[in-house]
Amino acid sequence: MVVADLPTKWLQILDFFLWSYVKEKVYTTPTRDIRDLRERIIKSTENIPQDILQCTWQKSVQRLDIIIVTARV
């Protein structure tokens, strides 16, 4: 199995989860301009708690395991 063959929807779920977390932090108040938005995105991604990153990583490994097992069938 090649990584490029993986169904993207499995990985998009993780992207969606992390972006939802970042978006919640970024948009707590209206942004002033594009520079403010960029700074908030950078700051919020730098400050993602370790437990959220670990959970996201564990979920991605679980999903990849499922993909590998089902690809063998």
C-alpha atoms as a PDB file:
ATOM      1  CA  MET A   1       0.000   0.000   0.000  1.00  0.00           C
ATOM      2  CA  VAL A   2       1.261   3.438  -0.931  1.00  0.00           C
ATOM      3  CA  VAL A   3       0.421   6.441   1.258  1.00  0.00           C
ATOM      4  CA  ALA A   4      -0.928   8.231  -1.819  1.00  0.00           C
ATOM      5  CA  ASP A   5      -3.554   5.475  -2.096  1.00  0.00           C
ATOM      6  CA  LEU A   6      -5.030   6.257   1.320  1.00  0.00           C
ATOM      7  CA  PRO A   7      -8.581   7.580   1.302  1.00  0.00           C
ATOM      8  CA  THR A   8      -8.215  11.299   1.959  1.00  0.00           C
ATOM      9  CA  LYS A   9     -11.443  11.435   3.976  1.00  0.00           C
ATOM     10  CA  TRP A  10      -9.699   9.485   6.759  1.00  0.00           C
ATOM     11  CA  LEU A  11      -7.024  12.115   7.049  1.00  0.00           C
ATOM     12  CA  GLN A  12      -9.335  15.078   6.497  1.00  0.00           C
ATOM     13  CA  ILE A  13     -11.161  14.230   9.721  1.00  0.00           C
ATOM     14  CA  LEU A  14      -7.960  14.975  11.616  1.00  0.00           C
ATOM     15  CA  ASP A  15      -7.417  18.189   9.693  1.00  0.00           C
ATOM     16  CA  PHE A  16     -10.974  19.206  10.482  1.00  0.00           C
ATOM     17  CA  PHE A  17     -10.514  18.482  14.190  1.00  0.00           C
ATOM     18  CA  LEU A  18      -7.306  20.488  14.467  1.00  0.00           C
ATOM     19  CA  TRP A  19      -8.623  23.357  12.358  1.00  0.00           C
ATOM     20  CA  SER A  20     -11.762  23.486  14.528  1.00  0.00           C
ATOM     21  CA  TYR A  21      -9.569  23.800  17.590  1.00  0.00           C
ATOM     22  CA  VAL A  22      -7.431  26.534  16.027  1.00  0.00           C
ATOM     23  CA  LYS A  23     -10.468  28.368  14.658  1.00  0.00           C
ATOM     24  CA  GLU A  24     -12.046  28.424  18.104  1.00  0.00           C
ATOM     25  CA  LYS A  25      -8.932  30.131  19.478  1.00  0.00           C
ATOM     26  CA  VAL A  26      -8.406  32.487  16.533  1.00  0.00           C
ATOM     27  CA  TYR A  27     -11.928  33.852  16.313  1.00  0.00           C
ATOM     28  CA  THR A  28     -12.655  34.531  19.972  1.00  0.00           C
ATOM     29  CA  THR A  29     -12.856  38.188  18.942  1.00  0.00           C
ATOM     30  CA  PRO A  30     -13.036  39.779  15.480  1.00  0.00           C
ATOM     31  CA  THR A  31      -9.703  40.100  13.706  1.00  0.00           C
ATOM     32  CA  ARG A  32      -8.454  43.567  12.802  1.00  0.00           C
ATOM     33  CA  ASP A  33      -6.754  42.684   9.532  1.00  0.00           C
ATOM     34  CA  ILE A  34      -4.953  39.896   7.678  1.00  0.00           C
ATOM     35  CA  ARG A  35      -1.765  40.382   9.713  1.00  0.00           C
ATOM     36  CA  ASP A  36      -3.729  39.975  12.945  1.00  0.00           C
ATOM     37  CA  LEU A  37      -5.375  36.837  11.560  1.00  0.00           C
ATOM     38  CA  ARG A  38      -2.021  35.370  10.556  1.00  0.00           C
ATOM     39  CA  GLU A  39      -0.480  36.094  13.960  1.00  0.00           C
ATOM     40  CA  ARG A  40      -3.428  34.514  15.753  1.00  0.00           C
ATOM     41  CA  ILE A  41      -3.239  31.369  13.620  1.00  0.00           C
ATOM     42  CA  ILE A  42       0.488  31.032  14.268  1.00  0.00           C
ATOM     43  CA  LYS A  43       0.110  31.647  17.993  1.00  0.00           C
ATOM     44  CA  SER A  44      -2.767  29.218  18.385  1.00  0.00           C
ATOM     45  CA  THR A  45      -0.994  26.437  16.478  1.00  0.00           C
ATOM     46  CA  GLU A  46       2.140  26.935  18.546  1.00  0.00           C
ATOM     47  CA  ASN A  47       0.060  26.597  21.701  1.00  0.00           C
ATOM     48  CA  ILE A  48      -1.923  23.448  20.940  1.00  0.00           C
ATOM     49  CA  PRO A  49      -1.809  21.443  24.165  1.00  0.00           C
ATOM     50  CA  GLN A  50       0.275  18.282  24.175  1.00  0.00           C
ATOM     51  CA  ASP A  51      -2.706  16.085  25.097  1.00  0.00           C
ATOM     52  CA  ILE A  52      -4.648  17.246  22.035  1.00  0.00           C
ATOM     53  CA  LEU A  53      -1.675  16.535  19.775  1.00  0.00           C
ATOM     54  CA  GLN A  54      -1.198  13.101  21.325  1.00  0.00           C
ATOM     55  CA  CYS A  55      -4.873  12.256  20.967  1.00  0.00           C
ATOM     56  CA  THR A  56      -4.870  13.386  17.345  1.00  0.00           C
ATOM     57  CA  TRP A  57      -1.767  11.308  16.638  1.00  0.00           C
ATOM     58  CA  GLN A  58      -3.279   8.226  18.289  1.00  0.00           C
ATOM     59  CA  LYS A  59      -6.472   8.603  16.274  1.00  0.00           C
ATOM     60  CA  SER A  60      -4.480   8.935  13.056  1.00  0.00           C
ATOM     61  CA  VAL A  61      -2.536   5.744  13.831  1.00  0.00           C
ATOM     62  CA  GLN A  62      -5.803   3.916  14.564  1.00  0.00           C
ATOM     63  CA  ARG A  63      -7.314   5.086  11.288  1.00  0.00           C
ATOM     64  CA  LEU A  64      -4.220   4.082   9.320  1.00  0.00           C
ATOM     65  CA  ASP A  65      -4.288   0.645  10.965  1.00  0.00           C
ATOM     66  CA  ILE A  66      -7.917   0.221   9.864  1.00  0.00           C
ATOM     67  CA  ILE A  67      -7.036   1.258   6.318  1.00  0.00           C
ATOM     68  CA  ILE A  68      -4.137  -1.191   6.178  1.00  0.00           C
ATOM     69  CA  VAL A  69      -6.214  -4.071   7.540  1.00  0.00           C
ATOM     70  CA  THR A  70      -9.129  -3.429   5.183  1.00  0.00           C
ATOM     71  CA  ALA A  71      -6.768  -3.091   2.221  1.00  0.00           C
ATOM     72  CA  ARG A  72      -5.501  -6.641   2.853  1.00  0.00           C
ATOM     73  CA  VAL A  73      -8.977  -8.132   2.616  1.00  0.00           C
END
